[in-house]
Amino acid sequence: MAEVQVKDSGGGKGKSKVKKGAGKPDMTPMVDLGFLLITFFIYTTTFSKPNTMVYNTPKELPPEERVDQEVDIKVSNTITIILGENDRIFWYQKPLKEVTADDLVETDYADDGIRNAILLKKGKALSPENWTVIIKPSDESTWKNSVDILDEMAITDSNKKAVVELQQVEKEAYYTKIGKPIPAE
């Protein structure tokens, strides 16, 4: 900022004296540099991008274009995970129609829990390129459970996954396993 020097009109003898300054530094270039730096950082800053997981869902076809066809998926190429209440998690590897409470294996979200089970079963899959994980959250599971299991899918490199609802036979097995009656719909 420029400094204006004021003449002292002082007093009477007709002589005007110029006050001598105390030698203050001129801050104008410093202020300009500050604004220049602020402008530079505003234009060059990249705002943080949201860290989200890509999850593609299939496009729903109109009813006239739907073709019901059965796909032969080998049981050894899939694992079904049921997300239960109170952070409980179960998995099984059987045909859907044969699932009972005894087939549900309870584990947890630890490294040696569901991750170990997925990697073990994926290693034994007949065709690992078709490895599929079916995730079935129960009504009592939380959003955190779903996020945690999707993280496990990324960690175990299980690219084919589906999130679907529990079937009636699975509900019977699950509620029998946890010792609760099946809730009415």
Foldseek 3Di string as FASTA:
>chain_A
DDDDWDWDPDDDPPDIDTDDDPDDDDCVVVVVVVVVVVVVCVVPDDDDDDDDDDDDDDDDDPPVPDDDDDDDDQLLQEKEKEQDAPQKIWIARDPLVPDALVRTDIFGLDCCTPLVVLLVSCVVRPDNVSREYEYEYDPRGDPVSVVSVVVSCVVSVVPHYYYDYDDPRRLNSVCVNVVHDRDDD
